[in-house]
Amino acid sequence: MNSTYKIAAIGDRDSIAGFKAVGIKIFPVTSTEAARHQLKTLRDESEYAIVFITEPLIEEIEETIDEINSKILPAVIPIPDNRGSTGVAMERMRKTVEKAVGADILSEEKGEL
């Protein structure tokens, strides 16, 4: 088992360039297929504990991400792109929490159980 894991970011260059300044390895992609391939490559290398990926790509390769998230590592974390959030990250978090606790505790509607 690797004692020093890395962090990566996948997305369009403009959205992920800033991650490089804090030591995160960036993988700019220009297509959905390139993002899918890069994510699988990072998973197979077993060096990455966290992979940030922009929300628009999350929506396009959801089945690949679900497959990867069935394992412990890497954790795939949605991030907004340079145009802002699409709400995908919050929706995925809501579903994960609901699965873990058995109830939608992040619902925006008040008074529901």
N, C-alpha and C. Protein backbone atom coordinates (compact mmCIF):
# COMPACT_ATOMS: atom_id res chain seq x y z
N MET A 1 0.85 -1.19 0.00
CA MET A 1 0.00 0.00 0.00
C MET A 1 0.89 1.24 0.00
N ASN A 2 0.52 2.20 -0.79
CA ASN A 2 1.28 3.44 -0.93
C ASN A 2 1.15 4.30 0.32
N SER A 3 2.28 4.78 0.84
CA SER A 3 2.23 5.62 2.04
C SER A 3 2.10 7.10 1.72
N THR A 4 2.36 7.47 0.47
CA THR A 4 2.22 8.86 0.05
C THR A 4 1.35 8.91 -1.21
N TYR A 5 0.12 9.32 -1.02
CA TYR A 5 -0.80 9.41 -2.15
C TYR A 5 -0.77 10.80 -2.75
N LYS A 6 -1.20 10.87 -4.00
CA LYS A 6 -1.23 12.13 -4.73
C LYS A 6 -2.68 12.58 -4.91
N ILE A 7 -2.82 13.84 -5.31
CA ILE A 7 -4.12 14.43 -5.63
C ILE A 7 -4.07 14.92 -7.07
N ALA A 8 -5.15 14.70 -7.80
CA ALA A 8 -5.21 15.10 -9.21
C ALA A 8 -6.48 15.91 -9.47
N ALA A 9 -6.46 16.64 -10.57
CA ALA A 9 -7.64 17.36 -11.04
C ALA A 9 -7.79 17.12 -12.53
N ILE A 10 -9.00 16.79 -12.96
CA ILE A 10 -9.32 16.55 -14.37
C ILE A 10 -10.39 17.55 -14.79
N GLY A 11 -10.19 18.17 -15.93
CA GLY A 11 -11.18 19.10 -16.46
C GLY A 11 -10.59 19.94 -17.55
N ASP A 12 -11.32 20.94 -17.98
CA ASP A 12 -10.78 21.84 -19.00
C ASP A 12 -9.66 22.66 -18.35
N ARG A 13 -8.69 23.05 -19.15
CA ARG A 13 -7.49 23.73 -18.64
C ARG A 13 -7.83 24.97 -17.82
N ASP A 14 -8.74 25.79 -18.29
CA ASP A 14 -9.07 27.03 -17.57
C ASP A 14 -9.63 26.77 -16.18
N SER A 15 -10.36 25.67 -16.02
CA SER A 15 -11.01 25.38 -14.74
C SER A 15 -10.07 24.75 -13.72
N ILE A 16 -9.04 24.06 -14.17
CA ILE A 16 -8.18 23.33 -13.22
C ILE A 16 -6.76 23.89 -13.10
N ALA A 17 -6.41 24.88 -13.89
CA ALA A 17 -5.04 25.40 -13.89
C ALA A 17 -4.58 25.85 -12.51
N GLY A 18 -5.45 26.45 -11.73
CA GLY A 18 -5.08 26.95 -10.42
C GLY A 18 -4.66 25.87 -9.43
N PHE A 19 -5.11 24.65 -9.64
CA PHE A 19 -4.74 23.55 -8.75
C PHE A 19 -3.24 23.26 -8.79
N LYS A 20 -2.63 23.53 -9.93
CA LYS A 20 -1.19 23.28 -10.08
C LYS A 20 -0.39 24.10 -9.09
N ALA A 21 -0.83 25.32 -8.80
CA ALA A 21 -0.12 26.22 -7.89
C ALA A 21 -0.04 25.68 -6.46
N VAL A 22 -0.94 24.78 -6.09
CA VAL A 22 -0.92 24.21 -4.74
C VAL A 22 -0.43 22.76 -4.73
N GLY A 23 0.23 22.36 -5.81
CA GLY A 23 0.86 21.05 -5.86
C GLY A 23 -0.01 19.90 -6.32
N ILE A 24 -1.18 20.21 -6.84
CA ILE A 24 -2.06 19.16 -7.35
C ILE A 24 -1.73 18.93 -8.81
N LYS A 25 -1.58 17.67 -9.20
CA LYS A 25 -1.27 17.31 -10.59
C LYS A 25 -2.53 17.54 -11.43
N ILE A 26 -2.39 18.30 -12.50
CA ILE A 26 -3.56 18.58 -13.35
C ILE A 26 -3.49 17.76 -14.63
N PHE A 27 -4.67 17.37 -15.09
CA PHE A 27 -4.82 16.61 -16.32
C PHE A 27 -5.90 17.29 -17.17
N PRO A 28 -5.49 18.29 -17.96
CA PRO A 28 -6.48 18.96 -18.81
C PRO A 28 -6.98 18.00 -19.90
N VAL A 29 -8.28 18.01 -20.12
CA VAL A 29 -8.88 17.18 -21.16
C VAL A 29 -9.81 18.04 -22.01
N THR A 30 -10.01 17.61 -23.24
CA THR A 30 -10.88 18.37 -24.15
C THR A 30 -12.09 17.57 -24.61
N SER A 31 -12.24 16.35 -24.10
CA SER A 31 -13.40 15.55 -24.49
C SER A 31 -13.82 14.62 -23.36
N THR A 32 -15.04 14.16 -23.45
CA THR A 32 -15.56 13.22 -22.47
C THR A 32 -14.75 11.94 -22.48
N GLU A 33 -14.43 11.43 -23.65
CA GLU A 33 -13.68 10.19 -23.76
C GLU A 33 -12.29 10.33 -23.15
N ALA A 34 -11.65 11.48 -23.35
CA ALA A 34 -10.33 11.72 -22.76
C ALA A 34 -10.44 11.75 -21.24
N ALA A 35 -11.50 12.33 -20.71
CA ALA A 35 -11.70 12.38 -19.26
C ALA A 35 -11.90 10.98 -18.70
N ARG A 36 -12.72 10.18 -19.37
CA ARG A 36 -12.97 8.80 -18.94
C ARG A 36 -11.65 8.02 -18.92
N HIS A 37 -10.89 8.14 -19.99
CA HIS A 37 -9.61 7.43 -20.10
C HIS A 37 -8.64 7.88 -18.99
N GLN A 38 -8.55 9.18 -18.77
CA GLN A 38 -7.62 9.70 -17.75
C GLN A 38 -8.02 9.23 -16.36
N LEU A 39 -9.30 9.24 -16.05
CA LEU A 39 -9.77 8.80 -14.75
C LEU A 39 -9.44 7.32 -14.52
N LYS A 40 -9.66 6.49 -15.52
CA LYS A 40 -9.33 5.07 -15.40
C LYS A 40 -7.83 4.87 -15.25
N THR A 41 -7.04 5.66 -15.96
CA THR A 41 -5.59 5.57 -15.84
C THR A 41 -5.14 5.91 -14.43
N LEU A 42 -5.68 6.98 -13.86
CA LEU A 42 -5.33 7.37 -12.49
C LEU A 42 -5.73 6.29 -11.49
N ARG A 43 -6.88 5.70 -11.69
CA ARG A 43 -7.33 4.61 -10.82
C ARG A 43 -6.35 3.43 -10.90
N ASP A 44 -5.96 3.07 -12.10
CA ASP A 44 -5.08 1.92 -12.30
C ASP A 44 -3.68 2.15 -11.77
N GLU A 45 -3.23 3.40 -11.75
CA GLU A 45 -1.89 3.71 -11.23
C GLU A 45 -1.82 3.54 -9.71
N SER A 46 -2.94 3.59 -9.03
CA SER A 46 -3.03 3.41 -7.57
C SER A 46 -2.17 4.39 -6.78
N GLU A 47 -1.85 5.54 -7.35
CA GLU A 47 -1.05 6.55 -6.66
C GLU A 47 -1.91 7.71 -6.15
N TYR A 48 -3.15 7.78 -6.60
CA TYR A 48 -3.99 8.94 -6.31
C TYR A 48 -5.08 8.58 -5.31
N ALA A 49 -5.16 9.38 -4.25
CA ALA A 49 -6.20 9.19 -3.24
C ALA A 49 -7.43 10.03 -3.56
N ILE A 50 -7.21 11.20 -4.18
CA ILE A 50 -8.31 12.12 -4.50
C ILE A 50 -8.16 12.57 -5.94
N VAL A 51 -9.27 12.55 -6.66
CA VAL A 51 -9.31 13.09 -8.01
C VAL A 51 -10.47 14.07 -8.08
N PHE A 52 -10.14 15.34 -8.24
CA PHE A 52 -11.17 16.35 -8.48
C PHE A 52 -11.51 16.32 -9.96
N ILE A 53 -12.79 16.44 -10.28
CA ILE A 53 -13.21 16.44 -11.67
C ILE A 53 -14.35 17.44 -11.84
N THR A 54 -14.32 18.20 -12.92
CA THR A 54 -15.31 19.26 -13.11
C THR A 54 -16.71 18.68 -13.32
N GLU A 55 -17.70 19.40 -12.80
CA GLU A 55 -19.09 18.94 -12.84
C GLU A 55 -19.60 18.58 -14.23
N PRO A 56 -19.32 19.36 -15.28
CA PRO A 56 -19.82 18.96 -16.60
C PRO A 56 -19.32 17.58 -17.03
N LEU A 57 -18.09 17.24 -16.66
CA LEU A 57 -17.57 15.91 -17.00
C LEU A 57 -18.20 14.83 -16.15
N ILE A 58 -18.48 15.15 -14.89
CA ILE A 58 -19.15 14.19 -13.99
C ILE A 58 -20.45 13.72 -14.63
N GLU A 59 -21.21 14.65 -15.16
CA GLU A 59 -22.50 14.31 -15.77
C GLU A 59 -22.34 13.39 -16.97
N GLU A 60 -21.25 13.54 -17.70
CA GLU A 60 -21.03 12.77 -18.92
C GLU A 60 -20.47 11.37 -18.67
N ILE A 61 -19.74 11.18 -17.59
CA ILE A 61 -19.10 9.89 -17.34
C ILE A 61 -19.53 9.30 -15.99
N GLU A 62 -20.76 9.53 -15.65
CA GLU A 62 -21.29 9.11 -14.35
C GLU A 62 -21.12 7.62 -14.10
N GLU A 63 -21.33 6.77 -15.11
CA GLU A 63 -21.21 5.32 -14.91
C GLU A 63 -19.78 4.92 -14.57
N THR A 64 -18.80 5.57 -15.17
CA THR A 64 -17.40 5.29 -14.86
C THR A 64 -17.08 5.73 -13.44
N ILE A 65 -17.58 6.88 -13.04
CA ILE A 65 -17.34 7.39 -11.70
C ILE A 65 -18.00 6.49 -10.65
N ASP A 66 -19.21 6.03 -10.92
CA ASP A 66 -19.88 5.12 -9.99
C ASP A 66 -19.07 3.83 -9.81
N GLU A 67 -18.50 3.33 -10.90
CA GLU A 67 -17.66 2.13 -10.84
C GLU A 67 -16.42 2.39 -9.97
N ILE A 68 -15.80 3.52 -10.16
CA ILE A 68 -14.60 3.86 -9.39
C ILE A 68 -14.95 4.11 -7.93
N ASN A 69 -16.07 4.75 -7.68
CA ASN A 69 -16.48 5.05 -6.30
C ASN A 69 -16.87 3.81 -5.51
N SER A 70 -17.02 2.67 -6.19
CA SER A 70 -17.31 1.43 -5.47
C SER A 70 -16.06 0.91 -4.76
N LYS A 71 -14.92 1.46 -5.09
CA LYS A 71 -13.65 1.12 -4.44
C LYS A 71 -13.32 2.19 -3.39
N ILE A 72 -12.35 1.92 -2.56
CA ILE A 72 -11.97 2.89 -1.53
C ILE A 72 -11.25 4.07 -2.13
N LEU A 73 -10.28 3.81 -3.00
CA LEU A 73 -9.50 4.88 -3.62
C LEU A 73 -9.49 4.73 -5.13
N PRO A 74 -9.45 5.81 -5.85
CA PRO A 74 -9.45 7.18 -5.38
C PRO A 74 -10.87 7.68 -5.13
N ALA A 75 -10.96 8.69 -4.28
CA ALA A 75 -12.23 9.38 -4.08
C ALA A 75 -12.37 10.40 -5.20
N VAL A 76 -13.47 10.33 -5.93
CA VAL A 76 -13.72 11.27 -7.03
C VAL A 76 -14.63 12.37 -6.50
N ILE A 77 -14.11 13.60 -6.53
CA ILE A 77 -14.80 14.74 -5.94
C ILE A 77 -15.20 15.73 -7.04
N PRO A 78 -16.50 15.98 -7.21
CA PRO A 78 -16.92 16.96 -8.22
C PRO A 78 -16.58 18.38 -7.78
N ILE A 79 -16.15 19.19 -8.75
CA ILE A 79 -15.88 20.60 -8.51
C ILE A 79 -16.53 21.41 -9.62
N PRO A 80 -16.92 22.65 -9.34
CA PRO A 80 -17.47 23.50 -10.41
C PRO A 80 -16.39 23.81 -11.43
N ASP A 81 -16.81 24.05 -12.66
CA ASP A 81 -15.84 24.52 -13.65
C ASP A 81 -15.79 26.04 -13.59
N ASN A 82 -15.10 26.66 -14.52
CA ASN A 82 -14.94 28.12 -14.46
C ASN A 82 -16.23 28.89 -14.77
N ARG A 83 -17.30 28.21 -15.14
CA ARG A 83 -18.59 28.86 -15.38
C ARG A 83 -19.50 28.80 -14.16
N GLY A 84 -19.08 28.06 -13.12
CA GLY A 84 -19.88 27.95 -11.91
C GLY A 84 -20.46 26.56 -11.72
N SER A 85 -21.16 26.39 -10.62
CA SER A 85 -21.71 25.09 -10.26
C SER A 85 -22.99 24.78 -11.03
N THR A 86 -23.14 23.52 -11.40
CA THR A 86 -24.37 23.05 -12.03
C THR A 86 -25.28 22.35 -11.02
N GLY A 87 -24.79 22.19 -9.79
CA GLY A 87 -25.56 21.51 -8.76
C GLY A 87 -25.28 20.01 -8.68
N VAL A 88 -24.46 19.50 -9.58
CA VAL A 88 -24.16 18.07 -9.61
C VAL A 88 -23.48 17.62 -8.32
N ALA A 89 -22.53 18.40 -7.85
CA ALA A 89 -21.80 18.03 -6.63
C ALA A 89 -22.75 17.89 -5.45
N MET A 90 -23.64 18.84 -5.27
CA MET A 90 -24.57 18.80 -4.15
C MET A 90 -25.53 17.62 -4.29
N GLU A 91 -25.99 17.34 -5.49
CA GLU A 91 -26.91 16.23 -5.70
C GLU A 91 -26.24 14.89 -5.39
N ARG A 92 -24.99 14.72 -5.82
CA ARG A 92 -24.25 13.49 -5.52
C ARG A 92 -24.03 13.35 -4.02
N MET A 93 -23.73 14.46 -3.35
CA MET A 93 -23.52 14.41 -1.90
C MET A 93 -24.83 14.04 -1.20
N ARG A 94 -25.93 14.63 -1.65
CA ARG A 94 -27.24 14.33 -1.05
C ARG A 94 -27.55 12.85 -1.17
N LYS A 95 -27.31 12.26 -2.34
CA LYS A 95 -27.58 10.83 -2.55
C LYS A 95 -26.68 9.96 -1.68
N THR A 96 -25.42 10.35 -1.54
CA THR A 96 -24.49 9.58 -0.71
C THR A 96 -24.90 9.61 0.75
N VAL A 97 -25.25 10.80 1.23
CA VAL A 97 -25.68 10.92 2.63
C VAL A 97 -26.98 10.15 2.85
N GLU A 98 -27.91 10.24 1.92
CA GLU A 98 -29.17 9.52 2.06
C GLU A 98 -28.93 8.01 2.12
N LYS A 99 -28.03 7.53 1.31
CA LYS A 99 -27.69 6.10 1.32
C LYS A 99 -27.06 5.72 2.66
N ALA A 100 -26.20 6.57 3.19
CA ALA A 100 -25.48 6.27 4.44
C ALA A 100 -26.39 6.31 5.66
N VAL A 101 -27.28 7.29 5.74
CA VAL A 101 -28.09 7.46 6.95
C VAL A 101 -29.54 6.99 6.78
N GLY A 102 -29.94 6.69 5.56
CA GLY A 102 -31.28 6.19 5.33
C GLY A 102 -32.36 7.24 5.19
N ALA A 103 -31.97 8.52 5.14
CA ALA A 103 -32.94 9.60 4.99
C ALA A 103 -32.28 10.78 4.30
N ASP A 104 -33.09 11.56 3.61
CA ASP A 104 -32.57 12.74 2.92
C ASP A 104 -32.51 13.89 3.91
N ILE A 105 -31.41 13.99 4.65
CA ILE A 105 -31.27 15.04 5.66
C ILE A 105 -30.78 16.35 5.07
N LEU A 106 -30.42 16.34 3.79
CA LEU A 106 -29.94 17.57 3.14
C LEU A 106 -31.01 18.22 2.28
N SER A 107 -32.23 17.72 2.34
CA SER A 107 -33.32 18.28 1.56
C SER A 107 -33.53 19.75 1.91
N GLU A 108 -33.79 20.54 0.90
CA GLU A 108 -34.02 21.98 1.13
C GLU A 108 -35.43 22.27 1.60
N GLU A 109 -36.33 21.31 1.43
CA GLU A 109 -37.71 21.51 1.89
C GLU A 109 -37.78 21.29 3.39
N LYS A 110 -38.41 22.20 4.10
CA LYS A 110 -38.51 22.13 5.56
C LYS A 110 -39.71 21.26 5.97
N GLY A 111 -39.57 20.62 7.08
CA GLY A 111 -40.68 19.87 7.64
C GLY A 111 -40.82 18.46 7.12
N GLU A 112 -39.94 18.00 6.24
CA GLU A 112 -40.02 16.63 5.75
C GLU A 112 -39.24 15.69 6.65
N LEU A 113 -39.70 14.47 6.77
CA LEU A 113 -38.97 13.43 7.50
C LEU A 113 -38.65 12.31 6.58
